[in-house]
Amino acid sequence: MTMEQKRVTVNSRRPYDSSGRRERARQTRGQIVDAAESLFLSGGYAATTVAAIAAAARVSVETIYKGFGGKPGLVRAIVEKGLAGEGPVPAERRSDRIRDTEPDPRRILTAWGAFVTEIGPRVTPILALARDAAADPEVAATLEQISATRHERMTLNARRLADAGHLRPGITIGEAADILWAYSSPDLYELFVLKRGWPTKRFGLFVGEALIAALLPPERPE
């Protein structure tokens, strides 16, 4: 074979396609997260072992530790899945689109109240289980990180509301962020819906109305 023929042979090789490998990894990760969520909710956080999760997901224990670092990392992954909400477009992206394109702040806050009812059922049960195990320093640190990340997002939302001139005079971005963080809290969903039996739709309307009353100037009578 001549050098030219070798060059043609090398150049004709198909480039390595990693998309299939990434998709398999994504599917494996999803299987692990789903298995962990099911076992945590049915058997409790403390009683569920990584070995049991690995067996249910049909992977090795090492795969779970490598991908998640243990049970606290699995809690974080379950919460992240829950925060995506329903449908192919993550709830965060849909929320951002409404925030950035809707000129009426009352519609923005009403929509955010609805997002709470979409996400609450998905994240509140697992956070409640993890909270019961918060004596574990790793679990406590994970819960604190999740809460801090949510507050960072609420701070961004508050800043965008302020930049658009929507906030009531006298309310700082920090105060608005705290209000958004409190009303979107899984703890509030747990109190009203899980413990007091409020219908989720009614709770979402309540959150939207409460945010409007707390953050926006009163409507002028026509």
N, C-alpha and C. Protein backbone atom coordinates (compact mmCIF):
# COMPACT_ATOMS: atom_id res chain seq x y z
N MET A 1 0.85 -1.19 0.00
CA MET A 1 0.00 0.00 0.00
C MET A 1 0.89 1.23 0.00
N THR A 2 0.61 2.16 -0.88
CA THR A 2 1.40 3.38 -0.98
C THR A 2 1.01 4.33 0.14
N MET A 3 1.85 5.35 0.33
CA MET A 3 1.56 6.35 1.35
C MET A 3 0.25 7.07 1.04
N GLU A 4 -0.02 7.31 -0.25
CA GLU A 4 -1.25 7.99 -0.63
C GLU A 4 -2.47 7.13 -0.29
N GLN A 5 -2.36 5.82 -0.52
CA GLN A 5 -3.47 4.93 -0.18
C GLN A 5 -3.70 4.90 1.32
N LYS A 6 -2.62 4.89 2.11
CA LYS A 6 -2.74 4.93 3.57
C LYS A 6 -3.44 6.20 4.02
N ARG A 7 -3.09 7.33 3.37
CA ARG A 7 -3.68 8.60 3.73
C ARG A 7 -5.18 8.59 3.44
N VAL A 8 -5.58 8.03 2.31
CA VAL A 8 -6.99 7.94 1.95
C VAL A 8 -7.74 7.06 2.94
N THR A 9 -7.08 5.92 3.34
CA THR A 9 -7.72 5.02 4.29
C THR A 9 -7.96 5.69 5.63
N VAL A 10 -6.95 6.41 6.13
CA VAL A 10 -7.07 7.10 7.40
C VAL A 10 -8.13 8.18 7.33
N ASN A 11 -8.12 8.97 6.25
CA ASN A 11 -9.06 10.07 6.12
C ASN A 11 -10.49 9.61 5.94
N SER A 12 -10.67 8.37 5.45
CA SER A 12 -12.02 7.89 5.20
C SER A 12 -12.68 7.28 6.43
N ARG A 13 -11.92 7.14 7.51
CA ARG A 13 -12.50 6.60 8.73
C ARG A 13 -13.54 7.58 9.28
N ARG A 14 -14.64 7.02 9.75
CA ARG A 14 -15.70 7.86 10.30
C ARG A 14 -15.26 8.40 11.67
N PRO A 15 -15.53 9.67 11.94
CA PRO A 15 -15.17 10.22 13.25
C PRO A 15 -15.96 9.54 14.34
N TYR A 16 -15.38 9.46 15.52
CA TYR A 16 -16.02 8.80 16.65
C TYR A 16 -17.26 9.59 17.07
N ASP A 17 -18.38 8.92 17.15
CA ASP A 17 -19.63 9.55 17.54
C ASP A 17 -19.92 9.21 19.00
N SER A 18 -19.81 10.23 19.86
CA SER A 18 -20.00 9.99 21.30
C SER A 18 -21.44 10.20 21.73
N SER A 19 -22.34 10.55 20.80
CA SER A 19 -23.71 10.84 21.18
C SER A 19 -24.41 9.61 21.78
N GLY A 20 -24.12 8.43 21.21
CA GLY A 20 -24.73 7.21 21.74
C GLY A 20 -24.26 6.92 23.15
N ARG A 21 -22.98 7.14 23.38
CA ARG A 21 -22.44 6.90 24.72
C ARG A 21 -23.04 7.88 25.73
N ARG A 22 -23.19 9.14 25.33
CA ARG A 22 -23.80 10.13 26.23
C ARG A 22 -25.24 9.78 26.54
N GLU A 23 -25.97 9.30 25.54
CA GLU A 23 -27.36 8.94 25.76
C GLU A 23 -27.48 7.74 26.70
N ARG A 24 -26.59 6.76 26.55
CA ARG A 24 -26.61 5.62 27.46
C ARG A 24 -26.28 6.07 28.89
N ALA A 25 -25.33 6.99 29.01
CA ALA A 25 -24.99 7.50 30.34
C ALA A 25 -26.16 8.26 30.95
N ARG A 26 -26.87 9.03 30.12
CA ARG A 26 -28.03 9.77 30.60
C ARG A 26 -29.12 8.82 31.08
N GLN A 27 -29.34 7.76 30.31
CA GLN A 27 -30.36 6.79 30.69
C GLN A 27 -30.00 6.06 31.98
N THR A 28 -28.72 5.71 32.11
CA THR A 28 -28.26 5.04 33.33
C THR A 28 -28.43 5.96 34.53
N ARG A 29 -28.07 7.22 34.36
CA ARG A 29 -28.23 8.19 35.46
C ARG A 29 -29.71 8.30 35.85
N GLY A 30 -30.58 8.37 34.84
CA GLY A 30 -32.01 8.46 35.13
C GLY A 30 -32.53 7.25 35.87
N GLN A 31 -32.05 6.06 35.51
CA GLN A 31 -32.46 4.83 36.19
C GLN A 31 -32.04 4.86 37.65
N ILE A 32 -30.84 5.35 37.90
CA ILE A 32 -30.33 5.41 39.27
C ILE A 32 -31.16 6.39 40.10
N VAL A 33 -31.41 7.56 39.54
CA VAL A 33 -32.18 8.58 40.26
C VAL A 33 -33.59 8.08 40.55
N ASP A 34 -34.22 7.47 39.55
CA ASP A 34 -35.59 6.94 39.75
C ASP A 34 -35.61 5.85 40.82
N ALA A 35 -34.61 4.96 40.78
CA ALA A 35 -34.55 3.88 41.77
C ALA A 35 -34.34 4.45 43.17
N ALA A 36 -33.46 5.43 43.28
CA ALA A 36 -33.19 6.03 44.59
C ALA A 36 -34.44 6.72 45.13
N GLU A 37 -35.13 7.45 44.28
CA GLU A 37 -36.34 8.15 44.73
C GLU A 37 -37.39 7.15 45.21
N SER A 38 -37.60 6.09 44.45
CA SER A 38 -38.60 5.09 44.82
C SER A 38 -38.26 4.43 46.15
N LEU A 39 -37.00 4.07 46.33
CA LEU A 39 -36.60 3.39 47.57
C LEU A 39 -36.59 4.33 48.77
N PHE A 40 -36.15 5.57 48.56
CA PHE A 40 -36.19 6.54 49.66
C PHE A 40 -37.62 6.74 50.15
N LEU A 41 -38.55 6.92 49.20
CA LEU A 41 -39.93 7.22 49.57
C LEU A 41 -40.64 6.02 50.17
N SER A 42 -40.26 4.82 49.76
CA SER A 42 -40.94 3.63 50.27
C SER A 42 -40.32 3.10 51.55
N GLY A 43 -39.00 3.23 51.67
CA GLY A 43 -38.33 2.64 52.82
C GLY A 43 -37.67 3.61 53.77
N GLY A 44 -37.65 4.89 53.39
CA GLY A 44 -36.99 5.89 54.22
C GLY A 44 -35.55 6.13 53.80
N TYR A 45 -35.06 7.31 54.11
CA TYR A 45 -33.70 7.68 53.70
C TYR A 45 -32.66 6.84 54.43
N ALA A 46 -32.76 6.79 55.75
CA ALA A 46 -31.72 6.13 56.55
C ALA A 46 -31.66 4.63 56.26
N ALA A 47 -32.82 4.01 56.06
CA ALA A 47 -32.87 2.56 55.89
C ALA A 47 -32.47 2.11 54.48
N THR A 48 -32.44 3.01 53.55
CA THR A 48 -32.11 2.66 52.17
C THR A 48 -30.60 2.69 51.98
N THR A 49 -30.04 1.62 51.49
CA THR A 49 -28.59 1.54 51.28
C THR A 49 -28.25 1.82 49.83
N VAL A 50 -27.03 2.24 49.61
CA VAL A 50 -26.55 2.44 48.24
C VAL A 50 -26.56 1.11 47.49
N ALA A 51 -26.27 0.03 48.19
CA ALA A 51 -26.29 -1.29 47.55
C ALA A 51 -27.68 -1.63 47.04
N ALA A 52 -28.70 -1.30 47.81
CA ALA A 52 -30.07 -1.58 47.39
C ALA A 52 -30.44 -0.74 46.16
N ILE A 53 -30.00 0.51 46.15
CA ILE A 53 -30.27 1.37 45.00
C ILE A 53 -29.56 0.83 43.76
N ALA A 54 -28.31 0.40 43.95
CA ALA A 54 -27.55 -0.15 42.83
C ALA A 54 -28.23 -1.39 42.27
N ALA A 55 -28.73 -2.24 43.14
CA ALA A 55 -29.40 -3.46 42.69
C ALA A 55 -30.68 -3.12 41.92
N ALA A 56 -31.45 -2.16 42.43
CA ALA A 56 -32.69 -1.78 41.76
C ALA A 56 -32.43 -1.15 40.40
N ALA A 57 -31.33 -0.39 40.30
CA ALA A 57 -31.00 0.27 39.04
C ALA A 57 -30.15 -0.60 38.12
N ARG A 58 -29.73 -1.77 38.63
CA ARG A 58 -28.91 -2.70 37.86
C ARG A 58 -27.57 -2.09 37.45
N VAL A 59 -26.95 -1.45 38.42
CA VAL A 59 -25.61 -0.90 38.22
C VAL A 59 -24.77 -1.31 39.42
N SER A 60 -23.49 -1.01 39.36
CA SER A 60 -22.61 -1.33 40.48
C SER A 60 -22.67 -0.21 41.53
N VAL A 61 -22.31 -0.58 42.75
CA VAL A 61 -22.22 0.42 43.81
C VAL A 61 -21.21 1.50 43.44
N GLU A 62 -20.13 1.06 42.81
CA GLU A 62 -19.09 2.02 42.41
C GLU A 62 -19.62 3.05 41.43
N THR A 63 -20.53 2.63 40.55
CA THR A 63 -21.10 3.56 39.58
C THR A 63 -21.86 4.68 40.30
N ILE A 64 -22.57 4.32 41.35
CA ILE A 64 -23.33 5.33 42.09
C ILE A 64 -22.41 6.28 42.82
N TYR A 65 -21.39 5.74 43.47
CA TYR A 65 -20.47 6.62 44.19
C TYR A 65 -19.70 7.51 43.22
N LYS A 66 -19.36 6.97 42.07
CA LYS A 66 -18.63 7.77 41.09
C LYS A 66 -19.50 8.88 40.52
N GLY A 67 -20.77 8.59 40.27
CA GLY A 67 -21.65 9.58 39.65
C GLY A 67 -22.30 10.55 40.62
N PHE A 68 -22.51 10.11 41.88
CA PHE A 68 -23.27 10.93 42.81
C PHE A 68 -22.57 11.18 44.15
N GLY A 69 -21.58 10.40 44.46
CA GLY A 69 -20.88 10.58 45.72
C GLY A 69 -21.58 10.00 46.92
N GLY A 70 -22.69 9.31 46.73
CA GLY A 70 -23.41 8.72 47.86
C GLY A 70 -24.84 9.22 47.93
N LYS A 71 -25.51 8.92 49.04
CA LYS A 71 -26.94 9.23 49.16
C LYS A 71 -27.24 10.73 49.16
N PRO A 72 -26.45 11.59 49.80
CA PRO A 72 -26.75 13.02 49.71
C PRO A 72 -26.73 13.54 48.26
N GLY A 73 -25.81 13.05 47.47
CA GLY A 73 -25.77 13.45 46.07
C GLY A 73 -26.98 12.96 45.30
N LEU A 74 -27.51 11.81 45.69
CA LEU A 74 -28.72 11.30 45.06
C LEU A 74 -29.91 12.18 45.42
N VAL A 75 -29.98 12.65 46.65
CA VAL A 75 -31.05 13.58 47.04
C VAL A 75 -31.01 14.83 46.17
N ARG A 76 -29.81 15.36 45.99
CA ARG A 76 -29.66 16.56 45.15
C ARG A 76 -30.13 16.28 43.73
N ALA A 77 -29.79 15.12 43.19
CA ALA A 77 -30.19 14.78 41.83
C ALA A 77 -31.70 14.61 41.71
N ILE A 78 -32.32 14.02 42.74
CA ILE A 78 -33.78 13.86 42.73
C ILE A 78 -34.46 15.23 42.75
N VAL A 79 -33.93 16.13 43.57
CA VAL A 79 -34.50 17.48 43.64
C VAL A 79 -34.34 18.19 42.30
N GLU A 80 -33.18 18.06 41.68
CA GLU A 80 -32.96 18.70 40.38
C GLU A 80 -33.94 18.17 39.34
N LYS A 81 -34.21 16.86 39.40
CA LYS A 81 -35.20 16.29 38.49
C LYS A 81 -36.58 16.88 38.77
N GLY A 82 -36.91 17.01 40.03
CA GLY A 82 -38.21 17.57 40.39
C GLY A 82 -38.35 19.02 39.97
N LEU A 83 -37.28 19.78 40.07
CA LEU A 83 -37.32 21.19 39.71
C LEU A 83 -37.55 21.40 38.21
N ALA A 84 -37.27 20.37 37.42
CA ALA A 84 -37.51 20.49 35.98
C ALA A 84 -38.99 20.51 35.66
N GLY A 85 -39.83 20.01 36.57
CA GLY A 85 -41.26 20.06 36.36
C GLY A 85 -41.74 19.08 35.30
N GLU A 86 -42.85 19.44 34.66
CA GLU A 86 -43.48 18.58 33.68
C GLU A 86 -43.08 18.99 32.26
N GLY A 87 -43.09 18.01 31.36
CA GLY A 87 -42.90 18.31 29.95
C GLY A 87 -41.45 18.42 29.54
N PRO A 88 -41.22 18.63 28.23
CA PRO A 88 -39.85 18.62 27.70
C PRO A 88 -39.06 19.88 28.02
N VAL A 89 -39.74 20.99 28.31
CA VAL A 89 -39.04 22.24 28.62
C VAL A 89 -38.98 22.41 30.13
N PRO A 90 -37.78 22.51 30.70
CA PRO A 90 -37.67 22.63 32.16
C PRO A 90 -38.46 23.81 32.70
N ALA A 91 -39.00 23.65 33.90
CA ALA A 91 -39.81 24.70 34.51
C ALA A 91 -39.01 25.99 34.67
N GLU A 92 -37.74 25.88 34.99
CA GLU A 92 -36.92 27.07 35.17
C GLU A 92 -36.86 27.89 33.88
N ARG A 93 -36.72 27.21 32.76
CA ARG A 93 -36.66 27.92 31.49
C ARG A 93 -37.99 28.56 31.16
N ARG A 94 -39.08 27.85 31.44
CA ARG A 94 -40.41 28.42 31.18
C ARG A 94 -40.65 29.63 32.08
N SER A 95 -40.21 29.51 33.34
CA SER A 95 -40.36 30.62 34.27
C SER A 95 -39.57 31.85 33.80
N ASP A 96 -38.35 31.62 33.33
CA ASP A 96 -37.53 32.72 32.85
C ASP A 96 -38.17 33.40 31.63
N ARG A 97 -38.77 32.61 30.77
CA ARG A 97 -39.39 33.17 29.57
C ARG A 97 -40.55 34.09 29.95
N ILE A 98 -41.37 33.66 30.90
CA ILE A 98 -42.47 34.51 31.36
C ILE A 98 -41.93 35.78 32.01
N ARG A 99 -40.93 35.62 32.86
CA ARG A 99 -40.34 36.77 33.55
C ARG A 99 -39.78 37.80 32.58
N ASP A 100 -39.17 37.32 31.50
CA ASP A 100 -38.46 38.22 30.58
C ASP A 100 -39.32 38.74 29.44
N THR A 101 -40.51 38.16 29.23
CA THR A 101 -41.33 38.58 28.09
C THR A 101 -42.69 39.13 28.48
N GLU A 102 -43.17 38.81 29.67
CA GLU A 102 -44.50 39.27 30.10
C GLU A 102 -44.40 40.66 30.71
N PRO A 103 -45.09 41.66 30.16
CA PRO A 103 -44.99 43.01 30.70
C PRO A 103 -45.79 43.23 31.98
N ASP A 104 -46.78 42.39 32.25
CA ASP A 104 -47.63 42.57 33.42
C ASP A 104 -47.06 41.80 34.60
N PRO A 105 -46.56 42.48 35.64
CA PRO A 105 -45.93 41.76 36.76
C PRO A 105 -46.91 40.88 37.52
N ARG A 106 -48.20 41.22 37.49
CA ARG A 106 -49.19 40.38 38.19
C ARG A 106 -49.30 39.03 37.50
N ARG A 107 -49.21 39.01 36.21
CA ARG A 107 -49.24 37.74 35.49
C ARG A 107 -47.97 36.94 35.76
N ILE A 108 -46.86 37.63 35.90
CA ILE A 108 -45.61 36.93 36.20
C ILE A 108 -45.72 36.22 37.54
N LEU A 109 -46.18 36.94 38.57
CA LEU A 109 -46.24 36.37 39.91
C LEU A 109 -47.33 35.30 40.01
N THR A 110 -48.43 35.47 39.28
CA THR A 110 -49.45 34.44 39.25
C THR A 110 -48.89 33.16 38.63
N ALA A 111 -48.11 33.32 37.56
CA ALA A 111 -47.48 32.15 36.92
C ALA A 111 -46.49 31.48 37.86
N TRP A 112 -45.75 32.28 38.61
CA TRP A 112 -44.81 31.69 39.57
C TRP A 112 -45.53 30.91 40.66
N GLY A 113 -46.71 31.38 41.06
CA GLY A 113 -47.50 30.61 42.01
C GLY A 113 -47.89 29.25 41.45
N ALA A 114 -48.23 29.22 40.15
CA ALA A 114 -48.57 27.95 39.51
C ALA A 114 -47.36 27.03 39.42
N PHE A 115 -46.18 27.59 39.18
CA PHE A 115 -44.97 26.77 39.13
C PHE A 115 -44.70 26.09 40.48
N VAL A 116 -45.04 26.77 41.57
CA VAL A 116 -44.85 26.17 42.89
C VAL A 116 -45.66 24.88 43.01
N THR A 117 -46.88 24.89 42.47
CA THR A 117 -47.72 23.69 42.57
C THR A 117 -47.27 22.60 41.60
N GLU A 118 -46.54 22.97 40.57
CA GLU A 118 -45.99 21.97 39.65
C GLU A 118 -44.78 21.28 40.24
N ILE A 119 -43.97 22.06 40.94
CA ILE A 119 -42.70 21.55 41.46
C ILE A 119 -42.85 20.96 42.86
N GLY A 120 -43.72 21.55 43.67
CA GLY A 120 -43.86 21.13 45.06
C GLY A 120 -44.06 19.64 45.26
N PRO A 121 -44.99 19.01 44.53
CA PRO A 121 -45.20 17.57 44.75
C PRO A 121 -44.00 16.73 44.39
N ARG A 122 -43.10 17.26 43.59
CA ARG A 122 -41.95 16.48 43.13
C ARG A 122 -40.75 16.59 44.06
N VAL A 123 -40.64 17.70 44.78
CA VAL A 123 -39.44 17.88 45.59
C VAL A 123 -39.71 17.83 47.10
N THR A 124 -40.93 18.18 47.51
CA THR A 124 -41.21 18.26 48.94
C THR A 124 -41.06 16.93 49.66
N PRO A 125 -41.61 15.82 49.14
CA PRO A 125 -41.47 14.55 49.89
C PRO A 125 -40.03 14.12 50.10
N ILE A 126 -39.19 14.28 49.08
CA ILE A 126 -37.81 13.82 49.24
C ILE A 126 -37.03 14.75 50.17
N LEU A 127 -37.33 16.06 50.13
CA LEU A 127 -36.66 16.98 51.04
C LEU A 127 -37.10 16.73 52.47
N ALA A 128 -38.36 16.36 52.67
CA ALA A 128 -38.83 16.06 54.02
C ALA A 128 -38.11 14.84 54.58
N LEU A 129 -37.92 13.82 53.75
CA LEU A 129 -37.19 12.64 54.19
C LEU A 129 -35.75 12.99 54.55
N ALA A 130 -35.12 13.77 53.68
CA ALA A 130 -33.73 14.14 53.94
C ALA A 130 -33.61 15.01 55.18
N ARG A 131 -34.60 15.86 55.39
CA ARG A 131 -34.58 16.72 56.58
C ARG A 131 -34.60 15.89 57.86
N ASP A 132 -35.33 14.78 57.83
CA ASP A 132 -35.38 13.90 59.00
C ASP A 132 -34.02 13.25 59.26
N ALA A 133 -33.18 13.21 58.23
CA ALA A 133 -31.85 12.61 58.38
C ALA A 133 -30.76 13.67 58.46
N ALA A 134 -31.15 14.90 58.75
CA ALA A 134 -30.20 16.02 58.72
C ALA A 134 -29.18 15.97 59.84
N ALA A 135 -29.29 15.01 60.76
CA ALA A 135 -28.23 14.85 61.76
C ALA A 135 -26.93 14.42 61.10
N ASP A 136 -27.05 13.81 59.91
CA ASP A 136 -25.87 13.47 59.12
C ASP A 136 -25.31 14.77 58.54
N PRO A 137 -24.06 15.12 58.84
CA PRO A 137 -23.50 16.39 58.35
C PRO A 137 -23.56 16.53 56.83
N GLU A 138 -23.36 15.44 56.10
CA GLU A 138 -23.42 15.51 54.64
C GLU A 138 -24.82 15.85 54.15
N VAL A 139 -25.82 15.25 54.79
CA VAL A 139 -27.20 15.53 54.41
C VAL A 139 -27.54 16.99 54.75
N ALA A 140 -27.14 17.43 55.93
CA ALA A 140 -27.40 18.81 56.32
C ALA A 140 -26.75 19.80 55.36
N ALA A 141 -25.52 19.50 54.94
CA ALA A 141 -24.83 20.38 53.99
C ALA A 141 -25.52 20.39 52.64
N THR A 142 -26.04 19.22 52.23
CA THR A 142 -26.75 19.14 50.95
C THR A 142 -28.02 19.97 50.99
N LEU A 143 -28.78 19.86 52.07
CA LEU A 143 -30.02 20.64 52.20
C LEU A 143 -29.73 22.13 52.23
N GLU A 144 -28.66 22.52 52.90
CA GLU A 144 -28.29 23.93 52.95
C GLU A 144 -27.89 24.44 51.57
N GLN A 145 -27.19 23.62 50.82
CA GLN A 145 -26.78 24.00 49.48
C GLN A 145 -27.99 24.15 48.57
N ILE A 146 -28.94 23.23 48.68
CA ILE A 146 -30.15 23.31 47.86
C ILE A 146 -30.92 24.59 48.19
N SER A 147 -31.03 24.91 49.46
CA SER A 147 -31.73 26.13 49.87
C SER A 147 -31.00 27.37 49.39
N ALA A 148 -29.66 27.37 49.50
CA ALA A 148 -28.88 28.53 49.07
C ALA A 148 -28.99 28.74 47.55
N THR A 149 -28.99 27.65 46.81
CA THR A 149 -29.12 27.75 45.35
C THR A 149 -30.48 28.33 44.98
N ARG A 150 -31.51 27.90 45.68
CA ARG A 150 -32.85 28.44 45.42
C ARG A 150 -32.91 29.93 45.75
N HIS A 151 -32.25 30.34 46.82
CA HIS A 151 -32.23 31.76 47.18
C HIS A 151 -31.48 32.58 46.13
N GLU A 152 -30.42 32.01 45.58
CA GLU A 152 -29.69 32.72 44.52
C GLU A 152 -30.60 32.96 43.32
N ARG A 153 -31.38 31.96 42.98
CA ARG A 153 -32.30 32.12 41.86
C ARG A 153 -33.37 33.16 42.17
N MET A 154 -33.88 33.16 43.40
CA MET A 154 -34.88 34.16 43.77
C MET A 154 -34.29 35.56 43.76
N THR A 155 -33.02 35.67 44.09
CA THR A 155 -32.35 36.97 44.04
C THR A 155 -32.28 37.47 42.60
N LEU A 156 -31.97 36.57 41.67
CA LEU A 156 -31.97 36.94 40.25
C LEU A 156 -33.36 37.39 39.82
N ASN A 157 -34.38 36.64 40.22
CA ASN A 157 -35.75 37.03 39.86
C ASN A 157 -36.11 38.39 40.44
N ALA A 158 -35.72 38.62 41.69
CA ALA A 158 -36.01 39.90 42.33
C ALA A 158 -35.31 41.04 41.61
N ARG A 159 -34.08 40.82 41.20
CA ARG A 159 -33.34 41.85 40.50
C ARG A 159 -33.99 42.18 39.15
N ARG A 160 -34.46 41.15 38.46
CA ARG A 160 -35.14 41.39 37.17
C ARG A 160 -36.44 42.16 37.39
N LEU A 161 -37.17 41.83 38.44
CA LEU A 161 -38.38 42.59 38.74
C LEU A 161 -38.05 44.05 39.04
N ALA A 162 -36.97 44.27 39.79
CA ALA A 162 -36.56 45.63 40.11
C ALA A 162 -36.13 46.38 38.86
N ASP A 163 -35.35 45.73 38.01
CA ASP A 163 -34.87 46.38 36.79
C ASP A 163 -36.03 46.78 35.88
N ALA A 164 -37.10 46.01 35.91
CA ALA A 164 -38.27 46.32 35.08
C ALA A 164 -39.19 47.34 35.74
N GLY A 165 -38.85 47.78 36.95
CA GLY A 165 -39.66 48.77 37.64
C GLY A 165 -40.93 48.22 38.26
N HIS A 166 -40.95 46.92 38.55
CA HIS A 166 -42.16 46.29 39.05
C HIS A 166 -42.31 46.35 40.57
N LEU A 167 -41.21 46.42 41.30
CA LEU A 167 -41.30 46.32 42.76
C LEU A 167 -41.91 47.57 43.37
N ARG A 168 -42.62 47.36 44.47
CA ARG A 168 -43.20 48.47 45.21
C ARG A 168 -42.09 49.33 45.79
N PRO A 169 -42.22 50.65 45.78
CA PRO A 169 -41.18 51.51 46.36
C PRO A 169 -40.91 51.15 47.81
N GLY A 170 -39.64 51.12 48.15
CA GLY A 170 -39.24 50.83 49.52
C GLY A 170 -38.81 49.40 49.74
N ILE A 171 -39.10 48.51 48.79
CA ILE A 171 -38.68 47.12 48.92
C ILE A 171 -37.34 46.93 48.22
N THR A 172 -36.36 46.43 48.94
CA THR A 172 -35.05 46.20 48.35
C THR A 172 -35.04 44.87 47.59
N ILE A 173 -34.02 44.71 46.78
CA ILE A 173 -33.87 43.44 46.05
C ILE A 173 -33.70 42.29 47.04
N GLY A 174 -32.94 42.53 48.10
CA GLY A 174 -32.74 41.48 49.10
C GLY A 174 -34.03 41.08 49.78
N GLU A 175 -34.87 42.07 50.13
CA GLU A 175 -36.16 41.76 50.76
C GLU A 175 -37.07 41.01 49.79
N ALA A 176 -37.08 41.45 48.53
CA ALA A 176 -37.91 40.78 47.53
C ALA A 176 -37.44 39.34 47.32
N ALA A 177 -36.12 39.14 47.32
CA ALA A 177 -35.58 37.78 47.16
C ALA A 177 -36.02 36.89 48.32
N ASP A 178 -35.98 37.43 49.53
CA ASP A 178 -36.39 36.66 50.70
C ASP A 178 -37.88 36.28 50.61
N ILE A 179 -38.71 37.21 50.16
CA ILE A 179 -40.15 36.94 50.04
C ILE A 179 -40.40 35.87 48.98
N LEU A 180 -39.75 35.99 47.83
CA LEU A 180 -39.89 34.97 46.79
C LEU A 180 -39.41 33.61 47.28
N TRP A 181 -38.31 33.61 47.99
CA TRP A 181 -37.72 32.37 48.53
C TRP A 181 -38.66 31.72 49.53
N ALA A 182 -39.29 32.54 50.40
CA ALA A 182 -40.17 31.99 51.43
C ALA A 182 -41.45 31.41 50.83
N TYR A 183 -42.06 32.15 49.90
CA TYR A 183 -43.34 31.69 49.36
C TYR A 183 -43.18 30.53 48.38
N SER A 184 -42.01 30.35 47.82
CA SER A 184 -41.78 29.21 46.94
C SER A 184 -41.18 28.02 47.69
N SER A 185 -41.09 28.14 49.00
CA SER A 185 -40.43 27.11 49.81
C SER A 185 -41.21 25.80 49.81
N PRO A 186 -40.53 24.68 49.68
CA PRO A 186 -41.20 23.38 49.87
C PRO A 186 -41.82 23.23 51.25
N ASP A 187 -41.26 23.94 52.24
CA ASP A 187 -41.82 23.87 53.60
C ASP A 187 -43.23 24.45 53.62
N LEU A 188 -43.46 25.54 52.88
CA LEU A 188 -44.78 26.14 52.85
C LEU A 188 -45.77 25.22 52.13
N TYR A 189 -45.31 24.61 51.05
CA TYR A 189 -46.16 23.63 50.35
C TYR A 189 -46.52 22.48 51.29
N GLU A 190 -45.56 22.02 52.05
CA GLU A 190 -45.82 20.92 52.98
C GLU A 190 -46.86 21.32 54.02
N LEU A 191 -46.75 22.53 54.56
CA LEU A 191 -47.68 22.98 55.59
C LEU A 191 -49.11 23.09 55.06
N PHE A 192 -49.28 23.73 53.93
CA PHE A 192 -50.62 24.00 53.43
C PHE A 192 -51.25 22.79 52.73
N VAL A 193 -50.47 22.14 51.86
CA VAL A 193 -51.05 21.09 51.03
C VAL A 193 -50.99 19.73 51.72
N LEU A 194 -49.82 19.35 52.21
CA LEU A 194 -49.68 18.01 52.78
C LEU A 194 -50.25 17.90 54.19
N LYS A 195 -50.11 18.97 54.98
CA LYS A 195 -50.58 18.89 56.36
C LYS A 195 -51.98 19.46 56.56
N ARG A 196 -52.32 20.52 55.85
CA ARG A 196 -53.64 21.12 56.03
C ARG A 196 -54.62 20.74 54.92
N GLY A 197 -54.15 20.03 53.91
CA GLY A 197 -55.05 19.49 52.90
C GLY A 197 -55.56 20.47 51.88
N TRP A 198 -54.86 21.58 51.68
CA TRP A 198 -55.29 22.52 50.65
C TRP A 198 -55.16 21.88 49.27
N PRO A 199 -56.13 22.11 48.37
CA PRO A 199 -55.94 21.69 46.98
C PRO A 199 -54.74 22.43 46.38
N THR A 200 -53.98 21.75 45.57
CA THR A 200 -52.77 22.36 45.02
C THR A 200 -53.07 23.60 44.20
N LYS A 201 -54.16 23.57 43.45
CA LYS A 201 -54.50 24.75 42.64
C LYS A 201 -54.80 25.94 43.52
N ARG A 202 -55.53 25.72 44.61
CA ARG A 202 -55.83 26.82 45.53
C ARG A 202 -54.56 27.34 46.17
N PHE A 203 -53.65 26.45 46.50
CA PHE A 203 -52.39 26.90 47.09
C PHE A 203 -51.60 27.74 46.09
N GLY A 204 -51.58 27.34 44.82
CA GLY A 204 -50.87 28.12 43.82
C GLY A 204 -51.45 29.51 43.66
N LEU A 205 -52.78 29.60 43.69
CA LEU A 205 -53.43 30.92 43.61
C LEU A 205 -53.07 31.77 44.82
N PHE A 206 -53.05 31.12 45.99
CA PHE A 206 -52.68 31.83 47.21
C PHE A 206 -51.26 32.40 47.12
N VAL A 207 -50.33 31.59 46.64
CA VAL A 207 -48.94 32.05 46.53
C VAL A 207 -48.85 33.24 45.57
N GLY A 208 -49.51 33.13 44.41
CA GLY A 208 -49.49 34.23 43.47
C GLY A 208 -50.07 35.50 44.05
N GLU A 209 -51.21 35.38 44.74
CA GLU A 209 -51.86 36.54 45.34
C GLU A 209 -50.99 37.14 46.45
N ALA A 210 -50.36 36.27 47.23
CA ALA A 210 -49.51 36.75 48.33
C ALA A 210 -48.28 37.49 47.79
N LEU A 211 -47.70 36.98 46.71
CA LEU A 211 -46.55 37.65 46.12
C LEU A 211 -46.94 39.01 45.54
N ILE A 212 -48.09 39.07 44.91
CA ILE A 212 -48.56 40.34 44.35
C ILE A 212 -48.75 41.36 45.47
N ALA A 213 -49.39 40.93 46.56
CA ALA A 213 -49.64 41.84 47.67
C ALA A 213 -48.35 42.29 48.35
N ALA A 214 -47.37 41.40 48.40
CA ALA A 214 -46.14 41.71 49.12
C ALA A 214 -45.14 42.52 48.31
N LEU A 215 -45.16 42.36 46.99
CA LEU A 215 -44.07 42.92 46.17
C LEU A 215 -44.48 44.07 45.27
N LEU A 216 -45.71 44.14 44.87
CA LEU A 216 -46.10 45.11 43.84
C LEU A 216 -46.85 46.29 44.44
N PRO A 217 -46.80 47.44 43.79
CA PRO A 217 -47.61 48.57 44.23
C PRO A 217 -49.09 48.23 44.11
N PRO A 218 -49.93 48.80 44.97
CA PRO A 218 -51.37 48.52 44.85
C PRO A 218 -51.90 49.06 43.52
N GLU A 219 -52.88 48.34 42.99
CA GLU A 219 -53.48 48.80 41.74
C GLU A 219 -54.26 50.09 41.99
N ARG A 220 -54.13 51.00 41.04
CA ARG A 220 -54.88 52.25 41.14
C ARG A 220 -56.32 52.02 40.69
N PRO A 221 -57.26 52.52 41.44
CA PRO A 221 -58.65 52.36 41.00
C PRO A 221 -58.90 53.10 39.71
N GLU A 222 -59.67 52.48 38.85
CA GLU A 222 -59.95 53.08 37.54
C GLU A 222 -61.02 54.16 37.67
